[in-house]
Protein backbone atom coordinates (compact mmCIF):
# COMPACT_ATOMS: atom_id res chain seq x y z
CA MET A 1 -15.30 49.86 14.48
CA PHE A 2 -15.35 50.09 18.27
CA LYS A 3 -18.11 52.34 19.76
CA PRO A 4 -16.64 55.14 21.95
CA SER A 5 -17.14 54.71 25.69
CA VAL A 6 -18.44 57.36 28.08
CA LEU A 7 -14.90 58.10 29.19
CA ARG A 8 -13.79 58.80 25.63
CA ARG A 9 -16.70 61.19 25.10
CA CYS A 10 -15.77 63.13 28.24
CA ALA A 11 -12.10 63.19 27.39
CA ARG A 12 -12.87 65.03 24.19
CA ARG A 13 -14.56 67.98 26.01
CA PRO A 14 -12.64 71.29 25.89
CA SER A 15 -10.38 71.83 28.92
CA SER A 16 -11.88 75.32 29.39
CA ALA A 17 -15.11 73.70 30.54
CA LEU A 18 -13.34 72.66 33.78
CA SER A 19 -12.42 76.24 34.79
CA ILE A 20 -15.81 77.93 34.60
CA HIS A 21 -18.08 78.80 37.57
CA SER A 22 -18.48 76.00 40.10
CA SER A 23 -22.27 75.98 39.76
CA ARG A 24 -21.81 75.00 36.11
CA THR A 25 -19.08 72.41 36.70
CA THR A 26 -21.04 70.08 38.97
CA PRO A 27 -22.58 68.00 36.15
CA VAL A 28 -19.19 67.70 34.50
CA ARG A 29 -17.51 66.60 37.72
CA ARG A 30 -20.23 64.05 38.27
CA ALA A 31 -19.70 62.71 34.80
CA LEU A 32 -15.96 62.51 35.35
CA SER A 33 -16.50 60.82 38.67
CA THR A 34 -18.78 58.25 37.09
CA SER A 35 -16.29 57.63 34.30
CA SER A 36 -13.46 57.35 36.79
CA ASN A 37 -15.33 54.70 38.73
CA ALA A 38 -15.95 52.84 35.52
CA ALA A 39 -12.29 53.02 34.64
CA GLY A 40 -11.41 51.86 38.12
CA GLY A 41 -13.21 48.58 37.60
CA SER A 42 -16.77 49.12 38.78
CA PHE A 43 -18.13 49.07 35.22
CA LYS A 44 -19.56 45.68 34.21
CA PRO A 45 -20.04 45.17 30.45
CA THR A 46 -23.39 43.76 29.48
CA LYS A 47 -23.92 40.88 27.06
CA GLU A 48 -25.30 43.32 24.54
CA PHE A 49 -22.16 45.45 24.83
CA VAL A 50 -19.85 42.47 24.30
CA ALA A 51 -21.93 41.19 21.39
CA THR A 52 -21.87 44.58 19.71
CA GLU A 53 -18.11 44.92 20.12
CA ALA A 54 -17.56 41.36 18.81
CA LYS A 55 -19.68 42.03 15.74
CA GLU A 56 -17.67 45.12 14.95
CA VAL A 57 -14.38 43.22 15.30
CA PHE A 58 -15.70 40.41 13.08
CA LYS A 59 -16.77 42.89 10.42
CA LEU A 60 -13.33 44.46 10.46
CA LEU A 61 -11.51 41.13 10.22
CA PHE A 62 -13.88 39.73 7.60
CA GLY A 63 -13.50 42.82 5.46
CA THR A 64 -9.73 42.64 5.70
CA LEU A 65 -9.65 38.94 4.82
CA THR A 66 -12.05 39.48 1.93
CA VAL A 67 -9.84 42.18 0.46
CA MET A 68 -6.72 40.03 0.90
CA LEU A 69 -8.36 36.93 -0.59
CA GLY A 70 -9.79 38.89 -3.49
CA GLY A 71 -6.40 40.36 -4.22
CA SER A 72 -4.72 36.95 -4.06
CA MET A 73 -7.30 35.38 -6.38
CA THR A 74 -6.88 38.22 -8.86
CA VAL A 75 -3.13 37.70 -8.88
CA GLY A 76 -3.59 33.92 -9.18
CA TYR A 77 -5.96 34.34 -12.11
CA ALA A 78 -3.45 36.59 -13.86
CA VAL A 79 -0.65 34.08 -13.23
CA GLU A 80 -2.65 31.20 -14.73
CA ASN A 81 -3.46 33.22 -17.84
CA TYR A 82 0.19 34.21 -18.21
CA LYS A 83 1.26 30.57 -17.87
CA ARG A 84 -1.29 29.51 -20.47
CA MET A 85 -0.04 32.07 -22.98
CA HIS A 86 3.64 31.23 -22.35
CA ALA A 87 3.66 27.44 -22.44
CA PRO A 88 7.06 25.72 -22.58
CA THR A 89 7.99 23.54 -25.52
CA PRO A 90 7.18 19.93 -24.54
CA PRO A 91 10.14 17.53 -24.49
CA GLY A 92 8.46 14.86 -26.64
CA GLN A 93 6.74 15.04 -30.01
CA LEU A 94 3.20 16.18 -30.76
CA VAL A 95 1.53 13.51 -32.87
CA ASP A 96 -1.51 14.39 -34.97
CA ILE A 97 -4.25 11.76 -34.76
CA THR A 98 -7.85 11.59 -35.92
CA VAL A 99 -10.53 9.48 -34.23
CA ASP A 100 -14.07 9.34 -35.59
CA GLY A 101 -13.49 12.52 -37.59
CA HIS A 102 -12.10 14.50 -34.65
CA ALA A 103 -8.47 15.64 -34.82
CA PHE A 104 -6.21 16.43 -31.89
CA LYS A 105 -2.56 16.43 -30.91
CA VAL A 106 -1.07 13.90 -28.51
CA HIS A 107 2.20 14.46 -26.66
CA VAL A 108 4.33 11.32 -26.95
CA GLN A 109 7.66 10.59 -25.26
CA THR A 110 9.63 7.78 -26.89
CA GLN A 111 12.86 6.25 -25.63
CA VAL A 112 15.08 3.95 -27.68
CA ALA A 113 18.62 3.17 -26.52
CA ALA A 114 19.82 0.96 -29.37
CA GLY A 115 17.42 0.38 -32.24
CA THR A 116 14.41 -1.51 -30.95
CA GLY A 117 16.39 -3.65 -28.52
CA PRO A 118 17.55 -7.23 -28.85
CA HIS A 119 13.99 -8.56 -28.82
CA GLY A 120 12.27 -6.08 -31.16
CA VAL A 121 9.53 -5.30 -28.64
CA THR A 122 7.62 -2.05 -28.08
CA VAL A 123 6.36 -1.19 -24.58
CA LEU A 124 3.33 1.09 -24.23
CA LEU A 125 2.82 2.76 -20.82
CA ASP A 126 -0.51 4.15 -19.59
CA GLY A 127 -0.84 5.93 -16.25
CA SER A 128 -3.55 6.24 -13.64
CA LEU A 129 -6.10 9.04 -13.25
CA GLY A 130 -4.51 12.34 -14.28
CA GLU A 131 -1.06 10.80 -14.82
CA THR A 132 1.04 11.59 -17.87
CA SER A 133 4.10 10.35 -19.73
CA PHE A 134 6.31 11.99 -17.09
CA ASP A 135 5.08 9.58 -14.41
CA TRP A 136 6.79 6.71 -16.26
CA GLU A 137 10.19 8.39 -16.43
CA ARG A 138 12.09 5.92 -14.23
CA VAL A 139 10.45 2.85 -15.72
CA ALA A 140 11.02 4.00 -19.31
CA THR A 141 14.69 4.79 -18.73
CA SER A 142 15.36 1.30 -17.36
CA VAL A 143 13.45 -0.57 -20.07
CA SER A 144 14.67 1.44 -23.06
CA ASP A 145 17.95 -0.49 -23.21
CA VAL A 146 16.10 -3.52 -24.55
CA ALA A 147 12.89 -2.16 -26.05
CA LYS A 148 11.27 0.85 -27.62
CA VAL A 149 9.25 2.60 -24.91
CA ILE A 150 6.25 4.83 -25.61
CA ALA A 151 4.48 6.93 -22.98
CA ILE A 152 1.83 9.51 -23.81
CA ASP A 153 -0.15 12.30 -22.21
CA ARG A 154 -3.72 11.15 -22.78
CA PRO A 155 -5.76 13.79 -24.66
CA GLY A 156 -6.80 16.50 -22.22
CA LEU A 157 -3.80 15.94 -19.94
CA GLY A 158 -0.30 17.40 -19.89
CA PHE A 159 0.67 18.81 -23.27
CA SER A 160 -1.98 16.97 -25.31
CA THR A 161 -5.03 18.81 -26.61
CA ALA A 162 -8.51 17.88 -25.39
CA GLY A 163 -9.89 14.57 -26.56
CA MET A 164 -13.32 13.12 -27.19
CA LEU A 165 -15.97 13.04 -24.47
CA PRO A 166 -16.86 11.02 -22.53
CA ARG A 167 -13.36 9.81 -21.65
CA THR A 168 -14.25 6.12 -21.68
CA SER A 169 -12.16 3.31 -23.07
CA ALA A 170 -15.22 1.40 -24.31
CA THR A 171 -16.76 3.75 -26.86
CA VAL A 172 -15.95 3.65 -30.56
CA CYS A 173 -14.10 6.95 -30.19
CA GLY A 174 -12.68 6.05 -26.80
CA ILE A 175 -9.23 6.03 -25.32
CA ALA A 176 -8.36 2.59 -26.72
CA LYS A 177 -9.05 3.95 -30.21
CA GLU A 178 -6.83 6.94 -29.47
CA TYR A 179 -3.99 4.63 -28.55
CA GLN A 180 -4.46 2.64 -31.73
CA ALA A 181 -4.26 5.88 -33.71
CA VAL A 182 -1.04 6.86 -31.91
CA LEU A 183 0.56 3.48 -32.60
CA GLN A 184 -0.42 3.74 -36.25
CA ALA A 185 0.96 7.29 -36.53
CA LEU A 186 4.26 6.08 -35.06
CA ASN A 187 4.35 3.11 -37.48
CA ILE A 188 4.51 0.59 -34.65
CA THR A 189 4.37 -3.04 -35.73
CA GLY A 190 5.29 -6.37 -34.19
CA PRO A 191 5.03 -7.43 -30.54
CA VAL A 192 3.80 -4.83 -28.05
CA ILE A 193 3.65 -5.09 -24.25
CA LEU A 194 0.86 -3.04 -22.70
CA VAL A 195 1.29 -1.59 -19.20
CA GLY A 196 -1.56 0.08 -17.29
CA HIS A 197 -1.52 1.65 -13.82
CA GLY A 198 -4.75 2.32 -11.89
CA ILE A 199 -7.43 3.48 -14.33
CA GLY A 200 -4.91 2.80 -17.10
CA GLY A 201 -5.61 -0.88 -16.54
CA TYR A 202 -9.07 -0.40 -18.05
CA HIS A 203 -7.62 1.32 -21.11
CA MET A 204 -4.96 -1.32 -21.73
CA ARG A 205 -7.43 -4.18 -21.27
CA HIS A 206 -9.70 -2.63 -23.89
CA LEU A 207 -6.77 -2.00 -26.22
CA ALA A 208 -5.54 -5.58 -25.80
CA ALA A 209 -9.00 -6.96 -26.59
CA GLU A 210 -9.30 -4.86 -29.75
CA LEU A 211 -5.81 -5.71 -31.00
CA ILE A 212 -6.34 -9.42 -30.36
CA ASP A 213 -9.70 -9.29 -32.14
CA ASP A 214 -8.23 -7.50 -35.18
CA ARG A 215 -6.56 -10.31 -37.10
CA ALA A 216 -5.35 -7.87 -39.76
CA SER A 217 -3.50 -5.68 -37.26
CA PRO A 218 0.29 -5.52 -37.71
CA ILE A 219 0.57 -5.40 -33.91
CA GLN A 220 0.64 -8.48 -31.70
CA VAL A 221 -0.07 -8.25 -27.98
CA ALA A 222 2.99 -9.85 -26.39
CA GLY A 223 1.90 -9.30 -22.81
CA LEU A 224 -0.02 -7.16 -20.35
CA VAL A 225 1.13 -5.68 -17.03
CA LEU A 226 -1.57 -4.40 -14.67
CA VAL A 227 0.05 -2.19 -12.02
CA ASP A 228 -2.30 -2.01 -9.02
CA ALA A 229 -5.00 -1.58 -11.64
CA MET A 230 -8.64 -0.84 -10.96
CA GLN A 231 -11.15 -3.68 -11.27
CA GLU A 232 -14.79 -3.05 -12.09
CA SER A 233 -16.44 -4.87 -9.18
CA VAL A 234 -14.42 -3.23 -6.40
CA LYS A 235 -16.36 0.05 -6.15
CA GLY A 236 -19.68 -1.73 -5.57
CA THR A 237 -18.14 -3.92 -2.88
CA MET A 238 -16.71 -0.88 -1.10
CA ASP A 239 -19.99 1.03 -1.29
CA ALA A 240 -21.64 -1.89 0.50
CA VAL A 241 -19.25 -1.71 3.46
CA SER A 242 -21.31 1.06 5.09
CA PRO A 243 -23.33 4.17 4.19
CA GLN A 244 -20.46 6.28 5.56
CA VAL A 245 -17.98 4.66 3.17
CA HIS A 246 -20.37 5.13 0.26
CA ASP A 247 -20.81 8.83 1.08
CA ALA A 248 -17.08 9.40 1.63
CA LEU A 249 -16.16 7.81 -1.70
CA ALA A 250 -18.79 9.90 -3.48
CA ALA A 251 -17.49 13.07 -1.83
CA ARG A 252 -13.91 12.27 -2.80
CA GLN A 253 -14.90 11.80 -6.41
CA LYS A 254 -16.14 15.39 -6.38
CA ASN A 255 -12.73 16.65 -5.26
CA ALA A 256 -11.53 16.80 -8.87
CA ALA A 257 -14.25 19.32 -9.74
CA THR A 258 -13.40 21.41 -6.67
CA LEU A 259 -9.72 21.49 -7.62
CA LEU A 260 -10.67 22.57 -11.14
CA LYS A 261 -12.52 25.60 -9.77
CA MET A 262 -9.62 26.47 -7.49
CA SER A 263 -7.08 26.11 -10.29
CA HIS A 264 -8.49 29.09 -12.22
CA PHE A 265 -7.33 31.38 -9.40
CA GLY A 266 -3.91 29.85 -8.84
CA LEU A 267 -4.84 28.13 -5.58
CA VAL A 268 -3.88 24.66 -6.83
CA ARG A 269 -0.57 26.07 -8.08
CA LEU A 270 0.05 27.52 -4.62
CA VAL A 271 -0.51 24.13 -2.98
CA HIS A 272 1.67 22.48 -5.63
CA THR A 273 4.46 24.95 -4.85
CA LEU A 274 4.24 24.07 -1.16
CA GLN A 275 4.86 20.42 -2.11
CA THR A 276 8.23 21.14 -3.70
CA LYS A 277 10.12 18.51 -1.69
CA ARG A 278 7.59 15.79 -2.51
CA ASN A 279 7.60 16.65 -6.21
CA ALA A 280 11.40 16.71 -6.33
CA ALA A 281 11.46 13.17 -4.93
CA ARG A 282 9.05 11.93 -7.61
CA PHE A 283 10.48 13.55 -10.75
CA SER A 284 13.90 14.28 -12.21
CA THR A 285 15.23 17.80 -12.51
CA THR A 286 14.59 17.52 -16.25
CA ALA A 287 10.92 16.62 -15.88
CA LEU A 288 10.09 18.80 -12.88
CA PRO A 289 9.75 22.16 -14.70
CA PHE A 290 7.16 20.63 -17.03
CA ILE A 291 5.30 19.06 -14.09
CA ASP A 292 5.29 22.41 -12.28
CA TYR A 293 3.85 24.05 -15.38
CA PHE A 294 0.89 21.85 -16.32
CA THR A 295 -0.11 19.85 -13.21
CA PRO A 296 -1.80 22.80 -11.41
CA SER A 297 -3.18 24.32 -14.62
CA PRO A 298 -6.94 24.58 -15.31
CA ILE A 299 -6.52 22.74 -18.63
CA HIS A 300 -4.94 19.71 -16.97
CA ARG A 301 -7.39 19.80 -14.04
CA ARG A 302 -10.31 19.79 -16.49
CA GLY A 303 -8.82 16.71 -18.14
CA VAL A 304 -8.68 15.01 -14.73
CA VAL A 305 -12.35 15.85 -14.11
CA ASN A 306 -13.36 14.43 -17.48
CA GLU A 307 -11.51 11.19 -16.75
CA SER A 308 -12.91 10.94 -13.23
CA ASP A 309 -16.47 11.45 -14.49
CA ALA A 310 -16.05 8.57 -16.94
CA VAL A 311 -14.93 5.91 -14.46
CA ALA A 312 -18.46 4.87 -13.48
CA ASP A 313 -19.41 4.45 -17.16
CA ILE A 314 -16.34 2.32 -17.86
CA GLU A 315 -17.08 0.05 -14.92
CA ALA A 316 -20.78 -0.24 -15.74
CA SER A 317 -19.87 -1.20 -19.31
CA LEU A 318 -17.43 -3.88 -18.17
CA LEU A 319 -19.92 -5.33 -15.68
CA ALA A 320 -22.69 -5.43 -18.29
CA SER A 321 -20.50 -6.68 -21.16
CA PRO A 322 -17.26 -8.26 -19.93
CA LEU A 323 -14.31 -8.21 -22.29
CA PRO A 324 -13.20 -11.51 -23.79
CA ASP A 325 -10.39 -13.14 -21.86
CA LEU A 326 -6.79 -12.74 -22.96
CA LYS A 327 -6.52 -16.42 -23.87
CA GLN A 328 -2.81 -17.28 -23.82
CA VAL A 329 -1.48 -13.70 -23.60
CA PRO A 330 1.00 -13.55 -20.68
CA LEU A 331 -0.31 -11.37 -17.84
CA VAL A 332 1.44 -9.93 -14.79
CA VAL A 333 -0.65 -8.40 -12.00
CA LEU A 334 1.31 -6.21 -9.57
CA SER A 335 -0.52 -5.24 -6.37
CA HIS A 336 0.34 -2.97 -3.45
CA GLY A 337 0.77 -4.75 -0.14
CA ASN A 338 1.38 -2.15 2.55
CA ASN A 339 -2.36 -1.50 3.04
CA THR A 340 -2.08 2.30 3.11
CA MET A 341 -4.20 3.05 0.05
CA PHE A 342 -7.30 3.90 2.11
CA ALA A 343 -5.60 4.96 5.36
CA SER A 344 -6.71 8.59 4.98
CA MET A 345 -10.34 7.44 4.96
CA ARG A 346 -10.07 7.16 8.75
CA LEU A 347 -10.40 10.94 8.85
CA GLU A 348 -13.94 10.68 7.47
CA PRO A 349 -16.89 10.57 9.90
CA GLY A 350 -18.02 7.08 10.83
CA ILE A 351 -15.11 5.26 9.18
CA ASP A 352 -12.95 3.18 11.52
CA ASP A 353 -10.09 0.71 11.16
CA ALA A 354 -12.49 -2.15 10.48
CA ALA A 355 -14.08 -0.29 7.55
CA VAL A 356 -10.66 0.55 6.09
CA ALA A 357 -9.63 -3.10 6.40
CA GLN A 358 -12.76 -4.13 4.49
CA MET A 359 -11.91 -1.66 1.73
CA GLU A 360 -8.38 -3.06 1.45
CA ALA A 361 -9.83 -6.57 1.33
CA ALA A 362 -12.16 -5.53 -1.50
CA TRP A 363 -9.23 -4.11 -3.47
CA ALA A 364 -7.17 -7.27 -2.89
CA LYS A 365 -10.06 -9.43 -4.09
CA GLY A 366 -10.28 -7.30 -7.24
CA GLN A 367 -6.57 -7.89 -7.85
CA ASP A 368 -7.11 -11.64 -7.55
CA THR A 369 -9.95 -11.38 -10.06
CA LEU A 370 -7.66 -9.67 -12.58
CA THR A 371 -5.41 -12.73 -12.61
CA THR A 372 -8.28 -14.79 -14.06
CA LEU A 373 -8.18 -12.77 -17.29
CA SER A 374 -5.48 -15.01 -18.75
CA ALA A 375 -4.52 -18.66 -18.49
CA ARG A 376 -0.90 -17.51 -18.21
CA ALA A 377 -1.01 -15.08 -15.29
CA VAL A 378 1.32 -14.31 -12.40
CA HIS A 379 0.23 -12.26 -9.40
CA ARG A 380 2.95 -10.46 -7.45
CA VAL A 381 2.03 -8.61 -4.23
CA VAL A 382 4.70 -6.05 -3.33
CA THR A 383 4.46 -5.79 0.44
CA GLU A 384 6.53 -2.64 0.97
CA VAL A 385 4.82 -0.45 -1.61
CA GLY A 386 1.59 1.53 -1.94
CA HIS A 387 -0.62 2.30 -4.93
CA ASP A 388 1.89 4.71 -6.48
CA MET A 389 4.17 1.88 -7.59
CA PRO A 390 5.70 3.52 -10.72
CA HIS A 391 7.18 6.16 -8.41
CA GLU A 392 7.65 4.23 -5.17
CA LYS A 393 9.04 0.99 -6.63
CA PRO A 394 9.67 1.37 -10.38
CA GLY A 395 12.00 -1.63 -10.30
CA GLU A 396 9.03 -3.94 -9.75
CA VAL A 397 7.34 -2.65 -12.90
CA VAL A 398 10.60 -2.94 -14.82
CA ALA A 399 11.05 -6.54 -13.67
CA ALA A 400 7.56 -7.46 -14.88
CA ILE A 401 8.20 -5.89 -18.30
CA LEU A 402 11.57 -7.60 -18.66
CA ALA A 403 10.00 -10.94 -17.77
CA LEU A 404 7.46 -10.48 -20.57
CA ILE A 405 10.22 -9.52 -23.00
CA ASN A 406 12.04 -12.72 -22.09
CA GLU A 407 8.80 -14.67 -22.50
CA GLN A 408 8.38 -13.20 -25.98
CA ALA A 409 11.94 -14.22 -26.89
CA GLY A 410 11.36 -17.80 -25.75
CA GLN A 411 13.49 -17.41 -22.62
CA THR A 412 10.81 -18.92 -20.39
CA SER A 413 13.23 -19.70 -17.55
CA ALA A 414 13.58 -15.93 -17.11
CA GLY A 415 9.95 -15.26 -18.01
CA ILE A 416 6.93 -14.43 -15.89
CA GLU A 417 7.26 -17.52 -13.69
CA SER A 418 10.56 -16.12 -12.42
CA LEU A 419 8.62 -13.26 -10.84
CA ARG A 420 7.18 -15.62 -8.25
CA THR A 421 10.56 -16.06 -6.55
CA GLN A 422 13.01 -13.42 -7.73
CA VAL A 423 13.55 -10.05 -9.37
CA CYS A 424 13.87 -10.57 -13.10
CA ALA A 425 16.87 -9.57 -15.21
CA VAL A 426 16.64 -9.42 -18.98
CA ALA A 427 18.02 -12.43 -20.80
CA LYS A 428 20.64 -11.52 -23.41
């Protein structure tokens, strides 16, 4: 609080003190005269006075903000607990699977328009870090006219219960094994096209390798689509650009853990609410209520952290023991081409346009490397789209899937080679 000035102390003296004998009023008049001069502008505050007043103001403001923040966090914590105890019924089915003796439930969304389509193909969709079945909504709707489409919430994300740790696709109880268990539980047989976006590319590559290696499997890998997928050598190349890039990438990886802490007190949900317009553009009105429920939740954020923590292990495993190539399995690599993936890195200290350009070049080189995984590969760079291709340009993903369906049906003229020059339409 402010310290009272001399004038305020004098102003609080009883008025009767001014009417007593003149010999006793002299000190008072002098005091009033001094105060009057000070009020008139002759008083010069010292540095100590200003510092003291500033400290008092800061204490007052800090205390007020602390009380407000504490109250907000308490409310946010209560909201998150209420949400957790009143979860909506998921739109898909909860499939019980067991991997290495551990049981959990996986939320699966399946779309079938007319049987299994004219080509009898199943399409399995796997999203990037933290993405769920809802992120494939537009792609699945377009493909389901000619194929059975399966999209899941990986264990620990969305409406699925927590899965095995670490969340790597290489371990015996890894994500690839979880996908195999889901396919088995759904009685999937015959040709399957695997689609992986971002980190999902690692999972689908592992799954493809295991299915190809298992000669007794009732499932045949009919094709693989890598949608701006991660490639194991890219991170090391980017780290070598500069110490500043290395530090910035390391700091960004820690963001998932920070968001997890914030989510317990409703702060992530608050930010999510402020992004209403963006979310409405990405998801349908049917999917949006589910997205609004689980995306900011601590359970989902913990799943994101677990996946993020496992990326380095996945990449180290692939570098040390590369997967066998896909032989003659048709492969489509879709890559972003608008060079905005690392644009926000310019905000980091010591990172300029040249460094960002080197990072984009490293990513592009990784995309080229992915095309060497199969002898039958097509690489399509989509110039007007960024990394978030399933949302920004779902038609490109659909075209790649349809081309693989045509390839499987023997319609090679409308197969993957058609992607080099035109947008593919399914052959009837």
